[in-house]
Amino acid sequence: MRPADFSVVLIVKHNPGLKQSEVAEALGIQRANFVAIVDGLEARDLVERRKSETDRRVQALYLTPLGEQFAENMLTTWQAHEDRIVEKLGGPEARDELIRLVNRLAE
């Protein structure tokens, strides 16, 4: 799964019913590219489009049951990976210091 796909799944998981345009805007993805991402996630039965309850002209996004399970599995894997990295760095304080230094370089 590509990072953009995973990002869409996570946003929809935490914000079911958001309009497609809202999710695309939150991620900074152009509309044409976003439609292709959602088409792919729909084809994998992870996300579904539904008519918005407040505006029938727009499509709202929801995770399917398979999408919910997929998101939970991915979050568990992601957390385990992050825990391993933080441990190798020397703990949360070392991680925070690394982030601070990288941000300083980026300035």
N, C-alpha and C. Protein backbone atom coordinates (compact mmCIF):
# COMPACT_ATOMS: atom_id res chain seq x y z
N MET A 1 0.85 -1.18 0.00
CA MET A 1 0.00 0.00 0.00
C MET A 1 0.89 1.24 0.00
N ARG A 2 0.53 2.18 -0.82
CA ARG A 2 1.29 3.43 -0.91
C ARG A 2 0.94 4.34 0.28
N PRO A 3 1.87 5.21 0.65
CA PRO A 3 1.61 6.12 1.78
C PRO A 3 0.34 6.96 1.59
N ALA A 4 0.08 7.41 0.39
CA ALA A 4 -1.14 8.22 0.16
C ALA A 4 -2.39 7.40 0.43
N ASP A 5 -2.39 6.13 0.02
CA ASP A 5 -3.54 5.25 0.27
C ASP A 5 -3.74 5.06 1.77
N PHE A 6 -2.64 4.79 2.46
CA PHE A 6 -2.70 4.58 3.91
C PHE A 6 -3.21 5.84 4.61
N SER A 7 -2.76 7.00 4.14
CA SER A 7 -3.20 8.26 4.74
C SER A 7 -4.70 8.45 4.57
N VAL A 8 -5.22 8.11 3.40
CA VAL A 8 -6.67 8.23 3.17
C VAL A 8 -7.41 7.29 4.12
N VAL A 9 -6.96 6.06 4.21
CA VAL A 9 -7.62 5.09 5.11
C VAL A 9 -7.63 5.62 6.54
N LEU A 10 -6.51 6.16 7.01
CA LEU A 10 -6.46 6.66 8.39
C LEU A 10 -7.39 7.86 8.60
N ILE A 11 -7.40 8.77 7.66
CA ILE A 11 -8.28 9.94 7.83
C ILE A 11 -9.74 9.50 7.83
N VAL A 12 -10.11 8.59 6.93
CA VAL A 12 -11.50 8.12 6.88
C VAL A 12 -11.84 7.33 8.15
N LYS A 13 -10.88 6.56 8.65
CA LYS A 13 -11.13 5.81 9.89
C LYS A 13 -11.47 6.75 11.04
N HIS A 14 -10.72 7.83 11.15
CA HIS A 14 -10.92 8.75 12.28
C HIS A 14 -11.97 9.81 12.01
N ASN A 15 -12.44 9.91 10.76
CA ASN A 15 -13.43 10.92 10.39
C ASN A 15 -14.43 10.35 9.39
N PRO A 16 -15.16 9.30 9.75
CA PRO A 16 -16.08 8.71 8.79
C PRO A 16 -17.13 9.73 8.34
N GLY A 17 -17.41 9.68 7.04
CA GLY A 17 -18.43 10.57 6.49
C GLY A 17 -17.89 11.87 5.93
N LEU A 18 -16.56 12.07 5.98
CA LEU A 18 -16.00 13.28 5.37
C LEU A 18 -16.24 13.23 3.87
N LYS A 19 -16.40 14.41 3.28
CA LYS A 19 -16.54 14.50 1.83
C LYS A 19 -15.19 14.18 1.19
N GLN A 20 -15.26 13.63 -0.01
CA GLN A 20 -14.03 13.34 -0.75
C GLN A 20 -13.15 14.57 -0.84
N SER A 21 -13.75 15.72 -1.12
CA SER A 21 -12.97 16.95 -1.28
C SER A 21 -12.28 17.34 0.02
N GLU A 22 -12.91 17.07 1.15
CA GLU A 22 -12.30 17.41 2.45
C GLU A 22 -11.09 16.54 2.72
N VAL A 23 -11.19 15.26 2.40
CA VAL A 23 -10.06 14.35 2.62
C VAL A 23 -8.91 14.74 1.68
N ALA A 24 -9.23 15.00 0.42
CA ALA A 24 -8.20 15.39 -0.54
C ALA A 24 -7.51 16.67 -0.09
N GLU A 25 -8.28 17.63 0.37
CA GLU A 25 -7.70 18.90 0.82
C GLU A 25 -6.81 18.70 2.04
N ALA A 26 -7.25 17.87 2.98
CA ALA A 26 -6.48 17.64 4.20
C ALA A 26 -5.12 17.03 3.87
N LEU A 27 -5.06 16.23 2.82
CA LEU A 27 -3.82 15.57 2.44
C LEU A 27 -3.05 16.32 1.36
N GLY A 28 -3.63 17.39 0.83
CA GLY A 28 -2.96 18.15 -0.22
C GLY A 28 -2.86 17.37 -1.53
N ILE A 29 -3.87 16.54 -1.81
CA ILE A 29 -3.89 15.73 -3.03
C ILE A 29 -4.85 16.38 -4.02
N GLN A 30 -4.41 16.54 -5.26
CA GLN A 30 -5.27 17.11 -6.29
C GLN A 30 -6.45 16.19 -6.54
N ARG A 31 -7.58 16.81 -6.86
CA ARG A 31 -8.83 16.07 -7.02
C ARG A 31 -8.70 14.91 -8.01
N ALA A 32 -8.11 15.15 -9.16
CA ALA A 32 -7.99 14.10 -10.18
C ALA A 32 -7.20 12.91 -9.64
N ASN A 33 -6.14 13.17 -8.92
CA ASN A 33 -5.33 12.09 -8.33
C ASN A 33 -6.09 11.39 -7.21
N PHE A 34 -6.86 12.18 -6.46
CA PHE A 34 -7.58 11.62 -5.32
C PHE A 34 -8.65 10.64 -5.77
N VAL A 35 -9.35 10.95 -6.85
CA VAL A 35 -10.39 10.05 -7.36
C VAL A 35 -9.78 8.69 -7.68
N ALA A 36 -8.60 8.68 -8.29
CA ALA A 36 -7.93 7.42 -8.61
C ALA A 36 -7.57 6.64 -7.34
N ILE A 37 -7.14 7.35 -6.30
CA ILE A 37 -6.81 6.69 -5.03
C ILE A 37 -8.05 6.03 -4.45
N VAL A 38 -9.15 6.78 -4.40
CA VAL A 38 -10.39 6.23 -3.83
C VAL A 38 -10.91 5.07 -4.69
N ASP A 39 -10.80 5.20 -6.01
CA ASP A 39 -11.20 4.09 -6.88
C ASP A 39 -10.43 2.82 -6.53
N GLY A 40 -9.13 2.96 -6.31
CA GLY A 40 -8.31 1.80 -5.94
C GLY A 40 -8.68 1.22 -4.59
N LEU A 41 -8.95 2.09 -3.63
CA LEU A 41 -9.35 1.61 -2.30
C LEU A 41 -10.72 0.95 -2.34
N GLU A 42 -11.61 1.47 -3.18
CA GLU A 42 -12.92 0.84 -3.36
C GLU A 42 -12.77 -0.54 -4.01
N ALA A 43 -11.90 -0.63 -5.00
CA ALA A 43 -11.68 -1.91 -5.69
C ALA A 43 -11.15 -2.97 -4.73
N ARG A 44 -10.42 -2.53 -3.71
CA ARG A 44 -9.88 -3.46 -2.71
C ARG A 44 -10.87 -3.69 -1.57
N ASP A 45 -12.06 -3.08 -1.66
CA ASP A 45 -13.13 -3.20 -0.66
C ASP A 45 -12.69 -2.66 0.71
N LEU A 46 -11.90 -1.57 0.70
CA LEU A 46 -11.46 -0.95 1.94
C LEU A 46 -12.27 0.30 2.27
N VAL A 47 -12.71 1.01 1.23
CA VAL A 47 -13.43 2.28 1.39
C VAL A 47 -14.67 2.22 0.52
N GLU A 48 -15.72 2.89 0.98
CA GLU A 48 -16.92 3.01 0.14
C GLU A 48 -17.39 4.46 0.12
N ARG A 49 -17.93 4.83 -1.02
CA ARG A 49 -18.52 6.15 -1.20
C ARG A 49 -20.02 6.01 -0.93
N ARG A 50 -20.55 6.98 -0.21
CA ARG A 50 -22.00 7.04 0.02
C ARG A 50 -22.45 8.48 -0.20
N LYS A 51 -23.68 8.62 -0.61
CA LYS A 51 -24.24 9.97 -0.72
C LYS A 51 -24.23 10.60 0.66
N SER A 52 -23.82 11.85 0.71
CA SER A 52 -23.80 12.58 1.98
C SER A 52 -25.22 12.72 2.51
N GLU A 53 -25.36 12.61 3.82
CA GLU A 53 -26.67 12.75 4.44
C GLU A 53 -27.14 14.20 4.43
N THR A 54 -26.20 15.14 4.37
CA THR A 54 -26.56 16.56 4.40
C THR A 54 -26.63 17.18 3.01
N ASP A 55 -25.93 16.61 2.04
CA ASP A 55 -25.92 17.15 0.68
C ASP A 55 -25.81 15.98 -0.28
N ARG A 56 -26.92 15.59 -0.86
CA ARG A 56 -26.97 14.39 -1.69
C ARG A 56 -26.11 14.50 -2.96
N ARG A 57 -25.61 15.70 -3.26
CA ARG A 57 -24.77 15.88 -4.46
C ARG A 57 -23.33 15.45 -4.22
N VAL A 58 -22.92 15.31 -2.98
CA VAL A 58 -21.53 14.97 -2.69
C VAL A 58 -21.41 13.55 -2.15
N GLN A 59 -20.21 13.02 -2.30
CA GLN A 59 -19.91 11.67 -1.84
C GLN A 59 -19.15 11.74 -0.52
N ALA A 60 -19.62 10.98 0.44
CA ALA A 60 -18.94 10.86 1.73
C ALA A 60 -18.19 9.53 1.73
N LEU A 61 -17.09 9.48 2.47
CA LEU A 61 -16.25 8.28 2.51
C LEU A 61 -16.37 7.57 3.85
N TYR A 62 -16.44 6.26 3.77
CA TYR A 62 -16.52 5.40 4.95
C TYR A 62 -15.64 4.18 4.72
N LEU A 63 -15.12 3.63 5.79
CA LEU A 63 -14.41 2.36 5.69
C LEU A 63 -15.42 1.23 5.66
N THR A 64 -15.11 0.21 4.90
CA THR A 64 -15.90 -1.02 4.92
C THR A 64 -15.46 -1.82 6.15
N PRO A 65 -16.17 -2.89 6.50
CA PRO A 65 -15.67 -3.74 7.59
C PRO A 65 -14.26 -4.25 7.33
N LEU A 66 -13.97 -4.62 6.08
CA LEU A 66 -12.61 -5.05 5.74
C LEU A 66 -11.63 -3.89 5.92
N GLY A 67 -12.06 -2.69 5.55
CA GLY A 67 -11.22 -1.50 5.72
C GLY A 67 -10.93 -1.22 7.18
N GLU A 68 -11.92 -1.40 8.04
CA GLU A 68 -11.72 -1.20 9.48
C GLU A 68 -10.68 -2.17 10.01
N GLN A 69 -10.80 -3.44 9.62
CA GLN A 69 -9.84 -4.45 10.07
C GLN A 69 -8.45 -4.16 9.52
N PHE A 70 -8.38 -3.77 8.25
CA PHE A 70 -7.11 -3.44 7.63
C PHE A 70 -6.44 -2.28 8.37
N ALA A 71 -7.21 -1.24 8.67
CA ALA A 71 -6.67 -0.07 9.37
C ALA A 71 -6.13 -0.46 10.75
N GLU A 72 -6.86 -1.29 11.47
CA GLU A 72 -6.41 -1.74 12.79
C GLU A 72 -5.11 -2.52 12.68
N ASN A 73 -5.03 -3.42 11.71
CA ASN A 73 -3.81 -4.20 11.51
C ASN A 73 -2.63 -3.30 11.15
N MET A 74 -2.86 -2.35 10.26
CA MET A 74 -1.79 -1.44 9.85
C MET A 74 -1.33 -0.57 11.02
N LEU A 75 -2.27 -0.09 11.82
CA LEU A 75 -1.90 0.73 12.97
C LEU A 75 -1.07 -0.06 13.98
N THR A 76 -1.43 -1.31 14.18
CA THR A 76 -0.67 -2.18 15.08
C THR A 76 0.75 -2.38 14.55
N THR A 77 0.87 -2.65 13.26
CA THR A 77 2.19 -2.82 12.63
C THR A 77 3.00 -1.54 12.71
N TRP A 78 2.36 -0.42 12.41
CA TRP A 78 3.03 0.89 12.45
C TRP A 78 3.54 1.18 13.86
N GLN A 79 2.71 0.93 14.87
CA GLN A 79 3.11 1.20 16.25
C GLN A 79 4.28 0.31 16.66
N ALA A 80 4.25 -0.94 16.28
CA ALA A 80 5.35 -1.85 16.61
C ALA A 80 6.65 -1.38 15.96
N HIS A 81 6.56 -0.93 14.71
CA HIS A 81 7.74 -0.42 14.02
C HIS A 81 8.26 0.84 14.71
N GLU A 82 7.37 1.75 15.04
CA GLU A 82 7.80 2.97 15.72
C GLU A 82 8.43 2.66 17.07
N ASP A 83 7.86 1.73 17.79
CA ASP A 83 8.43 1.34 19.10
C ASP A 83 9.85 0.81 18.94
N ARG A 84 10.09 -0.01 17.89
CA ARG A 84 11.44 -0.55 17.64
C ARG A 84 12.42 0.58 17.33
N ILE A 85 12.00 1.52 16.52
CA ILE A 85 12.87 2.63 16.14
C ILE A 85 13.19 3.49 17.36
N VAL A 86 12.18 3.82 18.14
CA VAL A 86 12.39 4.65 19.34
C VAL A 86 13.33 3.94 20.30
N GLU A 87 13.17 2.64 20.45
CA GLU A 87 14.06 1.88 21.32
C GLU A 87 15.51 1.94 20.81
N LYS A 88 15.71 1.79 19.51
CA LYS A 88 17.06 1.85 18.94
C LYS A 88 17.68 3.23 19.10
N LEU A 89 16.84 4.27 19.08
CA LEU A 89 17.33 5.63 19.27
C LEU A 89 17.72 5.91 20.73
N GLY A 90 17.18 5.13 21.64
CA GLY A 90 17.49 5.34 23.05
C GLY A 90 16.32 5.84 23.87
N GLY A 91 15.12 5.77 23.32
CA GLY A 91 13.93 6.16 24.07
C GLY A 91 13.26 7.41 23.51
N PRO A 92 12.11 7.75 24.09
CA PRO A 92 11.34 8.90 23.60
C PRO A 92 12.10 10.23 23.63
N GLU A 93 12.94 10.42 24.64
CA GLU A 93 13.69 11.67 24.73
C GLU A 93 14.66 11.80 23.56
N ALA A 94 15.31 10.70 23.20
CA ALA A 94 16.24 10.72 22.07
C ALA A 94 15.48 10.95 20.76
N ARG A 95 14.31 10.35 20.62
CA ARG A 95 13.48 10.59 19.44
C ARG A 95 13.11 12.06 19.33
N ASP A 96 12.67 12.64 20.44
CA ASP A 96 12.29 14.05 20.45
C ASP A 96 13.46 14.95 20.10
N GLU A 97 14.65 14.59 20.59
CA GLU A 97 15.85 15.36 20.27
C GLU A 97 16.17 15.25 18.78
N LEU A 98 16.05 14.06 18.21
CA LEU A 98 16.28 13.87 16.79
C LEU A 98 15.31 14.72 15.97
N ILE A 99 14.05 14.71 16.34
CA ILE A 99 13.05 15.51 15.64
C ILE A 99 13.39 16.99 15.75
N ARG A 100 13.80 17.42 16.93
CA ARG A 100 14.17 18.83 17.13
C ARG A 100 15.34 19.21 16.22
N LEU A 101 16.34 18.35 16.15
CA LEU A 101 17.51 18.64 15.32
C LEU A 101 17.18 18.65 13.83
N VAL A 102 16.37 17.71 13.40
CA VAL A 102 15.96 17.68 11.99
C VAL A 102 15.15 18.93 11.65
N ASN A 103 14.26 19.33 12.54
CA ASN A 103 13.49 20.57 12.31
C ASN A 103 14.41 21.78 12.22
N ARG A 104 15.43 21.78 13.06
CA ARG A 104 16.40 22.89 13.03
C ARG A 104 17.13 22.93 11.70
N LEU A 105 17.50 21.77 11.17
CA LEU A 105 18.14 21.72 9.86
C LEU A 105 17.19 22.20 8.77
N ALA A 106 15.94 21.87 8.91
CA ALA A 106 14.95 22.23 7.88
C ALA A 106 14.65 23.73 7.85
N GLU A 107 14.92 24.41 8.95
CA GLU A 107 14.61 25.85 9.02
C GLU A 107 15.46 26.64 8.12
